[in-house]
PDB file of N, CA and C in Angstrom:
ATOM      1  N   MET A   1      94.074 128.048  99.091  1.00  0.00           N
ATOM      2  CA  MET A   1      93.921 127.350 100.419  1.00  0.00           C
ATOM      3  C   MET A   1      94.737 127.871 101.361  1.00  0.00           C
ATOM      4  N   GLN A   2      94.512 128.262 102.522  1.00  0.00           N
ATOM      5  CA  GLN A   2      95.120 128.540 103.606  1.00  0.00           C
ATOM      6  C   GLN A   2      95.947 127.428 104.154  1.00  0.00           C
ATOM      7  N   ARG A   3      96.959 127.207 104.588  1.00  0.00           N
ATOM      8  CA  ARG A   3      97.491 126.216 105.415  1.00  0.00           C
ATOM      9  C   ARG A   3      98.157 126.924 106.897  1.00  0.00           C
ATOM     10  N   THR A   4      98.171 125.855 107.605  1.00  0.00           N
ATOM     11  CA  THR A   4      98.372 126.344 109.056  1.00  0.00           C
ATOM     12  C   THR A   4     100.113 125.890 109.352  1.00  0.00           C
ATOM     13  N   GLY A   5     100.470 126.269 110.627  1.00  0.00           N
ATOM     14  CA  GLY A   5     102.065 125.915 110.854  1.00  0.00           C
ATOM     15  C   GLY A   5     102.640 124.601 110.247  1.00  0.00           C
ATOM     16  N   ASP A   6     101.879 123.378 110.242  1.00  0.00           N
ATOM     17  CA  ASP A   6     102.492 122.504 109.641  1.00  0.00           C
ATOM     18  C   ASP A   6     102.398 122.124 108.383  1.00  0.00           C
ATOM     19  N   PRO A   7     103.362 122.184 107.313  1.00  0.00           N
ATOM     20  CA  PRO A   7     103.175 122.305 106.059  1.00  0.00           C
ATOM     21  C   PRO A   7     102.625 120.848 105.521  1.00  0.00           C
ATOM     22  N   ALA A   8     102.696 119.595 106.503  1.00  0.00           N
ATOM     23  CA  ALA A   8     102.240 118.472 106.199  1.00  0.00           C
ATOM     24  C   ALA A   8     100.582 118.211 106.355  1.00  0.00           C
ATOM     25  N   ARG A   9     100.200 119.074 106.840  1.00  0.00           N
ATOM     26  CA  ARG A   9      98.712 119.009 106.990  1.00  0.00           C
ATOM     27  C   ARG A   9      97.886 120.294 107.076  1.00  0.00           C
ATOM     28  N   LYS A  10      96.771 120.424 106.707  1.00  0.00           N
ATOM     29  CA  LYS A  10      95.966 121.654 106.853  1.00  0.00           C
ATOM     30  C   LYS A  10      94.937 121.342 107.891  1.00  0.00           C
ATOM     31  N   THR A  11      94.763 122.248 108.816  1.00  0.00           N
ATOM     32  CA  THR A  11      93.711 121.986 110.172  1.00  0.00           C
ATOM     33  C   THR A  11      92.941 123.335 110.111  1.00  0.00           C
ATOM     34  N   ASP A  12      93.202 124.179 109.216  1.00  0.00           N
ATOM     35  CA  ASP A  12      92.359 125.780 109.295  1.00  0.00           C
ATOM     36  C   ASP A  12      90.678 125.374 109.204  1.00  0.00           C
ATOM     37  N   ARG A  13      90.310 124.315 108.577  1.00  0.00           N
ATOM     38  CA  ARG A  13      88.879 123.766 108.628  1.00  0.00           C
ATOM     39  C   ARG A  13      88.782 122.422 108.429  1.00  0.00           C
ATOM     40  N   ARG A  14      87.649 121.921 108.295  1.00  0.00           N
ATOM     41  CA  ARG A  14      87.303 120.653 107.843  1.00  0.00           C
ATOM     42  C   ARG A  14      87.002 120.607 106.537  1.00  0.00           C
ATOM     43  N   TYR A  15      88.015 119.699 105.810  1.00  0.00           N
ATOM     44  CA  TYR A  15      87.844 119.424 104.038  1.00  0.00           C
ATOM     45  C   TYR A  15      87.244 118.398 104.017  1.00  0.00           C
ATOM     46  N   THR A  16      86.362 118.577 102.519  1.00  0.00           N
ATOM     47  CA  THR A  16      85.625 117.131 102.236  1.00  0.00           C
ATOM     48  C   THR A  16      86.215 116.627 100.941  1.00  0.00           C
ATOM     49  N   TYR A  17      85.620 115.794 100.488  1.00  0.00           N
ATOM     50  CA  TYR A  17      86.007 115.187  99.281  1.00  0.00           C
ATOM     51  C   TYR A  17      85.901 116.186  98.015  1.00  0.00           C
ATOM     52  N   GLY A  18      84.708 116.957  98.411  1.00  0.00           N
ATOM     53  CA  GLY A  18      84.522 118.132  97.224  1.00  0.00           C
ATOM     54  C   GLY A  18      85.645 119.124  97.117  1.00  0.00           C
ATOM     55  N   ASP A  19      86.017 119.601  98.208  1.00  0.00           N
ATOM     56  CA  ASP A  19      87.432 120.340  98.437  1.00  0.00           C
ATOM     57  C   ASP A  19      88.620 119.709  97.707  1.00  0.00           C
ATOM     58  N   TYR A  20      89.008 118.612  98.012  1.00  0.00           N
ATOM     59  CA  TYR A  20      89.742 117.597  97.793  1.00  0.00           C
ATOM     60  C   TYR A  20      90.093 117.720  96.244  1.00  0.00           C
ATOM     61  N   ARG A  21      88.774 117.252  95.703  1.00  0.00           N
ATOM     62  CA  ARG A  21      88.879 117.366  93.730  1.00  0.00           C
ATOM     63  C   ARG A  21      89.182 118.481  93.103  1.00  0.00           C
ATOM     64  N   THR A  22      89.150 119.723  94.013  1.00  0.00           N
ATOM     65  CA  THR A  22      89.624 120.937  93.285  1.00  0.00           C
ATOM     66  C   THR A  22      91.186 121.206  93.349  1.00  0.00           C
ATOM     67  N   TRP A  23      91.652 120.466  94.305  1.00  0.00           N
ATOM     68  CA  TRP A  23      93.269 120.777  94.526  1.00  0.00           C
ATOM     69  C   TRP A  23      94.018 120.302  93.277  1.00  0.00           C
ATOM     70  N   ALA A  24      95.409 120.780  93.257  1.00  0.00           N
ATOM     71  CA  ALA A  24      96.165 120.517  92.034  1.00  0.00           C
ATOM     72  C   ALA A  24      96.389 119.096  91.783  1.00  0.00           C
ATOM     73  N   GLU A  25      96.499 118.653  90.776  1.00  0.00           N
ATOM     74  CA  GLU A  25      96.782 117.010  90.523  1.00  0.00           C
ATOM     75  C   GLU A  25      98.234 116.560  90.830  1.00  0.00           C
ATOM     76  N   ASP A  26      99.007 117.412  90.815  1.00  0.00           N
ATOM     77  CA  ASP A  26     100.310 117.127  90.996  1.00  0.00           C
ATOM     78  C   ASP A  26     100.525 116.977  92.439  1.00  0.00           C
ATOM     79  N   GLU A  27      99.612 117.297  93.526  1.00  0.00           N
ATOM     80  CA  GLU A  27      99.984 117.086  94.914  1.00  0.00           C
ATOM     81  C   GLU A  27      99.115 116.038  95.234  1.00  0.00           C
ATOM     82  N   ARG A  28      99.604 115.134  96.406  1.00  0.00           N
ATOM     83  CA  ARG A  28      99.173 114.189  96.450  1.00  0.00           C
ATOM     84  C   ARG A  28      98.780 114.534  98.276  1.00  0.00           C
ATOM     85  N   TRP A  29      97.271 114.248  98.434  1.00  0.00           N
ATOM     86  CA  TRP A  29      96.814 114.684  99.848  1.00  0.00           C
ATOM     87  C   TRP A  29      95.995 113.320 100.056  1.00  0.00           C
ATOM     88  N   GLU A  30      95.418 113.166 101.621  1.00  0.00           N
ATOM     89  CA  GLU A  30      94.913 112.340 102.214  1.00  0.00           C
ATOM     90  C   GLU A  30      94.069 112.845 103.042  1.00  0.00           C
ATOM     91  N   LEU A  31      92.923 112.834 103.101  1.00  0.00           N
ATOM     92  CA  LEU A  31      91.842 113.659 104.575  1.00  0.00           C
ATOM     93  C   LEU A  31      91.548 112.304 105.273  1.00  0.00           C
ATOM     94  N   ILE A  32      91.641 112.868 106.347  1.00  0.00           N
ATOM     95  CA  ILE A  32      91.166 111.861 107.532  1.00  0.00           C
ATOM     96  C   ILE A  32      90.633 112.718 108.530  1.00  0.00           C
ATOM     97  N   ASP A  33      89.406 112.334 108.709  1.00  0.00           N
ATOM     98  CA  ASP A  33      88.459 113.295 109.643  1.00  0.00           C
ATOM     99  C   ASP A  33      88.477 114.881 109.248  1.00  0.00           C
ATOM    100  N   GLY A  34      88.466 114.917 108.037  1.00  0.00           N
ATOM    101  CA  GLY A  34      88.371 116.412 107.471  1.00  0.00           C
ATOM    102  C   GLY A  34      89.893 117.261 107.510  1.00  0.00           C
ATOM    103  N   VAL A  35      90.884 116.468 108.031  1.00  0.00           N
ATOM    104  CA  VAL A  35      92.325 117.100 108.236  1.00  0.00           C
ATOM    105  C   VAL A  35      92.865 116.486 106.845  1.00  0.00           C
ATOM    106  N   ALA A  36      93.495 117.460 106.065  1.00  0.00           N
ATOM    107  CA  ALA A  36      94.442 117.153 104.787  1.00  0.00           C
ATOM    108  C   ALA A  36      95.808 117.001 105.379  1.00  0.00           C
ATOM    109  N   TRP A  37      96.094 115.683 104.817  1.00  0.00           N
ATOM    110  CA  TRP A  37      97.474 115.513 105.161  1.00  0.00           C
ATOM    111  C   TRP A  37      98.227 115.236 103.518  1.00  0.00           C
ATOM    112  N   ASN A  38      99.263 116.218 103.781  1.00  0.00           N
ATOM    113  CA  ASN A  38     100.121 115.847 102.456  1.00  0.00           C
ATOM    114  C   ASN A  38     100.974 114.718 102.100  1.00  0.00           C
ATOM    115  N   MET A  39     100.990 114.181 101.412  1.00  0.00           N
ATOM    116  CA  MET A  39     101.370 112.627 100.963  1.00  0.00           C
ATOM    117  C   MET A  39     103.114 112.958 100.414  1.00  0.00           C
ATOM    118  N   SER A  40     103.264 114.229  99.976  1.00  0.00           N
ATOM    119  CA  SER A  40     104.680 114.195  99.634  1.00  0.00           C
ATOM    120  C   SER A  40     105.647 114.080 100.560  1.00  0.00           C
ATOM    121  N   PRO A  41     107.041 113.916 100.314  1.00  0.00           N
ATOM    122  CA  PRO A  41     107.393 113.292  99.078  1.00  0.00           C
ATOM    123  C   PRO A  41     107.090 112.166  98.668  1.00  0.00           C
ATOM    124  N   ALA A  42     107.558 111.589  97.554  1.00  0.00           N
ATOM    125  CA  ALA A  42     107.243 110.264  97.147  1.00  0.00           C
ATOM    126  C   ALA A  42     107.895 109.075  98.298  1.00  0.00           C
ATOM    127  N   PRO A  43     107.271 107.849  98.348  1.00  0.00           N
ATOM    128  CA  PRO A  43     107.938 106.955  98.945  1.00  0.00           C
ATOM    129  C   PRO A  43     109.311 106.694  98.695  1.00  0.00           C
ATOM    130  N   VAL A  44     110.092 106.201  99.804  1.00  0.00           N
ATOM    131  CA  VAL A  44     111.455 105.794  99.313  1.00  0.00           C
ATOM    132  C   VAL A  44     111.770 104.692  98.608  1.00  0.00           C
ATOM    133  N   ARG A  45     112.699 104.767  98.030  1.00  0.00           N
ATOM    134  CA  ARG A  45     113.071 103.632  96.980  1.00  0.00           C
ATOM    135  C   ARG A  45     112.474 102.432  97.502  1.00  0.00           C
ATOM    136  N   ARG A  46     113.282 101.764  99.045  1.00  0.00           N
ATOM    137  CA  ARG A  46     112.635 100.428  99.413  1.00  0.00           C
ATOM    138  C   ARG A  46     111.187 100.130  99.475  1.00  0.00           C
ATOM    139  N   HIS A  47     110.494 101.087 100.017  1.00  0.00           N
ATOM    140  CA  HIS A  47     108.941 101.211  99.732  1.00  0.00           C
ATOM    141  C   HIS A  47     108.537 100.683  98.377  1.00  0.00           C
ATOM    142  N   GLN A  48     109.032 101.478  97.415  1.00  0.00           N
ATOM    143  CA  GLN A  48     108.637 101.161  95.933  1.00  0.00           C
ATOM    144  C   GLN A  48     108.978  99.680  95.569  1.00  0.00           C
ATOM    145  N   GLY A  49     110.284  99.424  96.038  1.00  0.00           N
ATOM    146  CA  GLY A  49     110.871  98.358  95.695  1.00  0.00           C
ATOM    147  C   GLY A  49     109.791  97.082  96.068  1.00  0.00           C
ATOM    148  N   ILE A  50     109.206  97.242  97.569  1.00  0.00           N
ATOM    149  CA  ILE A  50     108.453  96.225  98.247  1.00  0.00           C
ATOM    150  C   ILE A  50     107.150  96.185  97.319  1.00  0.00           C
ATOM    151  N   LEU A  51     106.614  97.243  96.961  1.00  0.00           N
ATOM    152  CA  LEU A  51     105.460  97.305  96.120  1.00  0.00           C
ATOM    153  C   LEU A  51     105.544  96.526  94.713  1.00  0.00           C
ATOM    154  N   THR A  52     106.503  96.674  94.236  1.00  0.00           N
ATOM    155  CA  THR A  52     106.967  96.070  93.026  1.00  0.00           C
ATOM    156  C   THR A  52     106.865  94.702  93.208  1.00  0.00           C
ATOM    157  N   GLU A  53     107.233  94.024  94.286  1.00  0.00           N
ATOM    158  CA  GLU A  53     107.204  92.861  94.380  1.00  0.00           C
ATOM    159  C   GLU A  53     105.844  92.174  94.870  1.00  0.00           C
ATOM    160  N   ILE A  54     105.066  92.736  95.346  1.00  0.00           N
ATOM    161  CA  ILE A  54     103.919  92.499  96.061  1.00  0.00           C
ATOM    162  C   ILE A  54     102.790  92.487  95.057  1.00  0.00           C
ATOM    163  N   LEU A  55     102.693  93.335  93.880  1.00  0.00           N
ATOM    164  CA  LEU A  55     101.651  93.487  92.822  1.00  0.00           C
ATOM    165  C   LEU A  55     101.853  92.219  91.980  1.00  0.00           C
ATOM    166  N   PRO A  56     103.106  91.847  91.548  1.00  0.00           N
ATOM    167  CA  PRO A  56     102.985  90.928  90.457  1.00  0.00           C
ATOM    168  C   PRO A  56     102.615  89.738  91.053  1.00  0.00           C
ATOM    169  N   GLN A  57     102.613  89.495  92.013  1.00  0.00           N
ATOM    170  CA  GLN A  57     102.175  88.112  92.955  1.00  0.00           C
ATOM    171  C   GLN A  57     100.769  88.203  93.193  1.00  0.00           C
ATOM    172  N   LEU A  58     100.229  89.504  93.687  1.00  0.00           N
ATOM    173  CA  LEU A  58      98.670  89.730  93.775  1.00  0.00           C
ATOM    174  C   LEU A  58      97.908  89.091  92.260  1.00  0.00           C
ATOM    175  N   LEU A  59      98.220  89.796  91.329  1.00  0.00           N
ATOM    176  CA  LEU A  59      97.422  89.986  89.974  1.00  0.00           C
ATOM    177  C   LEU A  59      97.080  88.448  89.503  1.00  0.00           C
ATOM    178  N   PRO A  60      98.097  87.453  89.678  1.00  0.00           N
ATOM    179  CA  PRO A  60      97.843  86.253  89.129  1.00  0.00           C
ATOM    180  C   PRO A  60      96.680  85.577  89.978  1.00  0.00           C
ATOM    181  N   TYR A  61      96.953  85.778  91.289  1.00  0.00           N
ATOM    182  CA  TYR A  61      95.868  85.159  92.198  1.00  0.00           C
ATOM    183  C   TYR A  61      94.721  85.554  91.937  1.00  0.00           C
ATOM    184  N   MET A  62      94.465  86.952  91.551  1.00  0.00           N
ATOM    185  CA  MET A  62      92.949  87.533  91.366  1.00  0.00           C
ATOM    186  C   MET A  62      92.499  87.005  90.031  1.00  0.00           C
ATOM    187  N   GLU A  63      93.207  86.496  89.198  1.00  0.00           N
ATOM    188  CA  GLU A  63      92.774  86.290  88.000  1.00  0.00           C
ATOM    189  C   GLU A  63      91.493  85.465  88.147  1.00  0.00           C
ATOM    190  N   GLY A  64      90.703  85.624  87.438  1.00  0.00           N
ATOM    191  CA  GLY A  64      89.201  84.705  87.314  1.00  0.00           C
ATOM    192  C   GLY A  64      88.396  85.081  88.373  1.00  0.00           C
ATOM    193  N   LYS A  65      88.660  86.145  89.252  1.00  0.00           N
ATOM    194  CA  LYS A  65      87.765  86.399  90.464  1.00  0.00           C
ATOM    195  C   LYS A  65      87.254  87.774  90.106  1.00  0.00           C
ATOM    196  N   SER A  66      86.157  88.224  90.884  1.00  0.00           N
ATOM    197  CA  SER A  66      85.521  89.114  90.787  1.00  0.00           C
ATOM    198  C   SER A  66      86.581  90.563  91.132  1.00  0.00           C
ATOM    199  N   CYS A  67      87.683  90.036  91.671  1.00  0.00           N
ATOM    200  CA  CYS A  67      88.207  91.191  92.506  1.00  0.00           C
ATOM    201  C   CYS A  67      89.058  91.816  91.529  1.00  0.00           C
ATOM    202  N   GLU A  68      89.243  93.302  91.875  1.00  0.00           N
ATOM    203  CA  GLU A  68      90.426  93.955  90.898  1.00  0.00           C
ATOM    204  C   GLU A  68      91.671  94.645  91.869  1.00  0.00           C
ATOM    205  N   VAL A  69      92.543  94.969  91.495  1.00  0.00           N
ATOM    206  CA  VAL A  69      93.760  95.298  92.110  1.00  0.00           C
ATOM    207  C   VAL A  69      94.223  96.631  91.394  1.00  0.00           C
ATOM    208  N   TYR A  70      94.405  97.497  92.298  1.00  0.00           N
ATOM    209  CA  TYR A  70      94.834  98.980  92.260  1.00  0.00           C
ATOM    210  C   TYR A  70      95.909  99.514  93.035  1.00  0.00           C
ATOM    211  N   ALA A  71      96.799 100.160  92.463  1.00  0.00           N
ATOM    212  CA  ALA A  71      98.095 100.716  93.018  1.00  0.00           C
ATOM    213  C   ALA A  71      97.762 102.229  93.268  1.00  0.00           C
ATOM    214  N   ALA A  72      98.436 102.992  94.152  1.00  0.00           N
ATOM    215  CA  ALA A  72      98.416 104.385  94.461  1.00  0.00           C
ATOM    216  C   ALA A  72      98.862 104.740  93.273  1.00  0.00           C
ATOM    217  N   PRO A  73      98.393 106.142  92.914  1.00  0.00           N
ATOM    218  CA  PRO A  73      97.244 106.780  93.749  1.00  0.00           C
ATOM    219  C   PRO A  73      95.879 106.430  93.279  1.00  0.00           C
ATOM    220  N   PHE A  74      95.025 105.954  94.236  1.00  0.00           N
ATOM    221  CA  PHE A  74      93.656 105.328  93.644  1.00  0.00           C
ATOM    222  C   PHE A  74      92.879 105.819  94.920  1.00  0.00           C
ATOM    223  N   ASP A  75      91.978 106.946  94.750  1.00  0.00           N
ATOM    224  CA  ASP A  75      91.053 107.203  95.981  1.00  0.00           C
ATOM    225  C   ASP A  75      90.165 106.258  96.732  1.00  0.00           C
ATOM    226  N   VAL A  76      90.143 106.153  98.197  1.00  0.00           N
ATOM    227  CA  VAL A  76      89.385 105.193  98.600  1.00  0.00           C
ATOM    228  C   VAL A  76      88.551 106.106  99.367  1.00  0.00           C
ATOM    229  N   LEU A  77      87.292 106.426  99.036  1.00  0.00           N
ATOM    230  CA  LEU A  77      86.407 107.118 100.189  1.00  0.00           C
ATOM    231  C   LEU A  77      85.833 106.368 101.340  1.00  0.00           C
ATOM    232  N   LEU A  78      86.022 107.017 102.326  1.00  0.00           N
ATOM    233  CA  LEU A  78      85.091 106.412 103.689  1.00  0.00           C
ATOM    234  C   LEU A  78      84.132 107.341 104.103  1.00  0.00           C
ATOM    235  N   PRO A  79      82.800 107.204 103.656  1.00  0.00           N
ATOM    236  CA  PRO A  79      81.858 107.838 104.141  1.00  0.00           C
ATOM    237  C   PRO A  79      81.391 107.294 105.811  1.00  0.00           C
ATOM    238  N   GLU A  80      80.885 108.308 106.165  1.00  0.00           N
ATOM    239  CA  GLU A  80      80.393 108.109 107.455  1.00  0.00           C
ATOM    240  C   GLU A  80      79.061 107.436 107.760  1.00  0.00           C
ATOM    241  N   ARG A  81      78.472 107.368 106.459  1.00  0.00           N
ATOM    242  CA  ARG A  81      76.848 106.977 106.650  1.00  0.00           C
ATOM    243  C   ARG A  81      76.828 106.377 105.124  1.00  0.00           C
ATOM    244  N   PRO A  82      76.160 105.548 104.680  1.00  0.00           N
ATOM    245  CA  PRO A  82      75.959 104.676 103.460  1.00  0.00           C
ATOM    246  C   PRO A  82      75.253 105.845 102.539  1.00  0.00           C
ATOM    247  N   ASP A  83      74.326 106.631 102.833  1.00  0.00           N
ATOM    248  CA  ASP A  83      74.048 107.545 101.766  1.00  0.00           C
ATOM    249  C   ASP A  83      74.673 109.096 101.857  1.00  0.00           C
ATOM    250  N   GLN A  84      75.678 109.197 102.387  1.00  0.00           N
ATOM    251  CA  GLN A  84      76.361 110.289 102.294  1.00  0.00           C
ATOM    252  C   GLN A  84      76.726 110.672 100.776  1.00  0.00           C
ATOM    253  N   ASP A  85      76.628 111.756 100.667  1.00  0.00           N
ATOM    254  CA  ASP A  85      76.989 112.388  99.215  1.00  0.00           C
ATOM    255  C   ASP A  85      78.455 112.423  99.334  1.00  0.00           C
ATOM    256  N   GLU A  86      79.105 111.867  98.297  1.00  0.00           N
ATOM    257  CA  GLU A  86      80.689 111.884  98.207  1.00  0.00           C
ATOM    258  C   GLU A  86      81.181 113.262  98.284  1.00  0.00           C
ATOM    259  N   ASP A  87      80.703 114.378  98.136  1.00  0.00           N
ATOM    260  CA  ASP A  87      81.236 115.640  98.176  1.00  0.00           C
ATOM    261  C   ASP A  87      81.447 115.895  99.357  1.00  0.00           C
ATOM    262  N   GLU A  88      80.579 115.204 100.253  1.00  0.00           N
ATOM    263  CA  GLU A  88      80.662 115.431 101.927  1.00  0.00           C
ATOM    264  C   GLU A  88      81.725 114.708 102.676  1.00  0.00           C
ATOM    265  N   VAL A  89      82.384 113.614 101.986  1.00  0.00           N
ATOM    266  CA  VAL A  89      82.933 112.592 102.718  1.00  0.00           C
ATOM    267  C   VAL A  89      84.022 113.216 103.284  1.00  0.00           C
ATOM    268  N   SER A  90      84.859 112.946 104.342  1.00  0.00           N
ATOM    269  CA  SER A  90      85.898 113.741 105.207  1.00  0.00           C
ATOM    270  C   SER A  90      86.894 112.767 105.060  1.00  0.00           C
ATOM    271  N   THR A  91      86.772 111.545 104.871  1.00  0.00           N
ATOM    272  CA  THR A  91      87.889 110.861 105.008  1.00  0.00           C
ATOM    273  C   THR A  91      88.402 110.172 103.442  1.00  0.00           C
ATOM    274  N   VAL A  92      89.466 110.511 103.095  1.00  0.00           N
ATOM    275  CA  VAL A  92      89.929 109.927 101.777  1.00  0.00           C
ATOM    276  C   VAL A  92      91.264 109.278 101.722  1.00  0.00           C
ATOM    277  N   ALA A  93      91.506 108.245 101.473  1.00  0.00           N
ATOM    278  CA  ALA A  93      92.942 107.671 101.665  1.00  0.00           C
ATOM    279  C   ALA A  93      93.298 107.251 100.335  1.00  0.00           C
ATOM    280  N   GLN A  94      94.643 106.994 100.280  1.00  0.00           N
ATOM    281  CA  GLN A  94      95.450 106.324  98.847  1.00  0.00           C
ATOM    282  C   GLN A  94      96.024 105.196  99.430  1.00  0.00           C
ATOM    283  N   PRO A  95      95.564 104.033  99.603  1.00  0.00           N
ATOM    284  CA  PRO A  95      96.289 102.914 100.167  1.00  0.00           C
ATOM    285  C   PRO A  95      97.360 102.830  98.982  1.00  0.00           C
ATOM    286  N   ASP A  96      98.598 102.149  99.454  1.00  0.00           N
ATOM    287  CA  ASP A  96      99.483 101.810  98.293  1.00  0.00           C
ATOM    288  C   ASP A  96      98.954 100.832  97.266  1.00  0.00           C
ATOM    289  N   ILE A  97      98.353  99.505  97.909  1.00  0.00           N
ATOM    290  CA  ILE A  97      97.701  98.627  96.966  1.00  0.00           C
ATOM    291  C   ILE A  97      96.459  98.489  97.580  1.00  0.00           C
ATOM    292  N   SER A  98      95.217  98.551  96.801  1.00  0.00           N
ATOM    293  CA  SER A  98      93.719  98.108  96.996  1.00  0.00           C
ATOM    294  C   SER A  98      93.257  96.947  96.516  1.00  0.00           C
ATOM    295  N   VAL A  99      92.774  95.940  96.985  1.00  0.00           N
ATOM    296  CA  VAL A  99      91.975  94.906  96.380  1.00  0.00           C
ATOM    297  C   VAL A  99      90.366  95.260  96.733  1.00  0.00           C
ATOM    298  N   VAL A 100      89.799  95.319  95.636  1.00  0.00           N
ATOM    299  CA  VAL A 100      88.360  95.582  95.788  1.00  0.00           C
ATOM    300  C   VAL A 100      87.359  94.394  94.970  1.00  0.00           C
ATOM    301  N   CYS A 101      86.904  93.533  95.916  1.00  0.00           N
ATOM    302  CA  CYS A 101      86.031  92.426  95.523  1.00  0.00           C
ATOM    303  C   CYS A 101      84.489  92.821  95.150  1.00  0.00           C
ATOM    304  N   ASP A 102      84.165  93.714  95.896  1.00  0.00           N
ATOM    305  CA  ASP A 102      82.727  94.366  95.806  1.00  0.00           C
ATOM    306  C   ASP A 102      82.393  95.592  94.633  1.00  0.00           C
ATOM    307  N   GLN A 103      82.111  94.954  93.343  1.00  0.00           N
ATOM    308  CA  GLN A 103      82.102  95.789  92.176  1.00  0.00           C
ATOM    309  C   GLN A 103      81.164  96.993  92.478  1.00  0.00           C
ATOM    310  N   ALA A 104      80.190  96.859  93.328  1.00  0.00           N
ATOM    311  CA  ALA A 104      79.320  98.145  93.686  1.00  0.00           C
ATOM    312  C   ALA A 104      80.206  99.063  94.392  1.00  0.00           C
ATOM    313  N   LYS A 105      81.244  99.019  95.111  1.00  0.00           N
ATOM    314  CA  LYS A 105      81.882 100.010  95.807  1.00  0.00           C
ATOM    315  C   LYS A 105      82.641 100.780  94.618  1.00  0.00           C
ATOM    316  N   LEU A 106      83.024 100.419  93.369  1.00  0.00           N
ATOM    317  CA  LEU A 106      83.777 100.907  92.489  1.00  0.00           C
ATOM    318  C   LEU A 106      83.102 102.201  91.788  1.00  0.00           C
ATOM    319  N   THR A 107      83.845 103.102  91.610  1.00  0.00           N
ATOM    320  CA  THR A 107      83.537 104.250  90.893  1.00  0.00           C
ATOM    321  C   THR A 107      84.363 104.452  89.860  1.00  0.00           C
ATOM    322  N   ASP A 108      84.003 105.499  89.088  1.00  0.00           N
ATOM    323  CA  ASP A 108      84.945 106.193  88.026  1.00  0.00           C
ATOM    324  C   ASP A 108      86.184 106.635  88.477  1.00  0.00           C
ATOM    325  N   LYS A 109      86.027 107.323  89.819  1.00  0.00           N
ATOM    326  CA  LYS A 109      86.935 108.153  90.674  1.00  0.00           C
ATOM    327  C   LYS A 109      87.676 107.112  91.561  1.00  0.00           C
ATOM    328  N   GLY A 110      87.201 106.029  91.809  1.00  0.00           N
ATOM    329  CA  GLY A 110      88.009 105.178  92.779  1.00  0.00           C
ATOM    330  C   GLY A 110      86.957 104.304  93.464  1.00  0.00           C
ATOM    331  N   CYS A 111      87.127 104.183  94.875  1.00  0.00           N
ATOM    332  CA  CYS A 111      86.350 103.248  95.747  1.00  0.00           C
ATOM    333  C   CYS A 111      85.636 104.005  96.803  1.00  0.00           C
ATOM    334  N   THR A 112      84.546 103.391  97.075  1.00  0.00           N
ATOM    335  CA  THR A 112      83.579 103.984  98.259  1.00  0.00           C
ATOM    336  C   THR A 112      83.308 103.065  99.004  1.00  0.00           C
ATOM    337  N   GLY A 113      83.946 103.129 100.167  1.00  0.00           N
ATOM    338  CA  GLY A 113      83.867 102.108 101.237  1.00  0.00           C
ATOM    339  C   GLY A 113      85.242 101.522 101.274  1.00  0.00           C
ATOM    340  N   ALA A 114      85.542 100.821 102.368  1.00  0.00           N
ATOM    341  CA  ALA A 114      86.748  99.981 102.618  1.00  0.00           C
ATOM    342  C   ALA A 114      87.128  98.788 101.419  1.00  0.00           C
ATOM    343  N   PRO A 115      88.393  98.940 100.929  1.00  0.00           N
ATOM    344  CA  PRO A 115      88.640  97.508 100.036  1.00  0.00           C
ATOM    345  C   PRO A 115      88.652  96.437 100.747  1.00  0.00           C
ATOM    346  N   SER A 116      88.385  95.183 100.062  1.00  0.00           N
ATOM    347  CA  SER A 116      88.733  94.017 100.664  1.00  0.00           C
ATOM    348  C   SER A 116      89.864  93.806 101.163  1.00  0.00           C
ATOM    349  N   ILE A 117      91.013  94.175 100.541  1.00  0.00           N
ATOM    350  CA  ILE A 117      92.150  94.155 101.083  1.00  0.00           C
ATOM    351  C   ILE A 117      92.989  95.612 100.982  1.00  0.00           C
TER     352      ILE A 117
END
């Protein structure tokens, strides 16, 4: 995988979810309009602390609802059109927390389409 001058992103060509799925699992990347952005290093301790405060409050609120709560890493594919093949999707994000209420958006790999929250 060729990288350009900025180690935090790959701009040598337009990448897709098909490319993304072949990359090392110990690296975290997001794709924004085909540009790969390196998500390393891990978030700072304060960031992680805030997440551990939010998640326990969300979980009981969602109990009994059709919504599901996920923490990163959790792939959210944002296709350009509804019938787009997932391997061709060029925007894949890993939000810190995702709440998905539309079960049809969930796949074994993550979520296709914007989460509810």
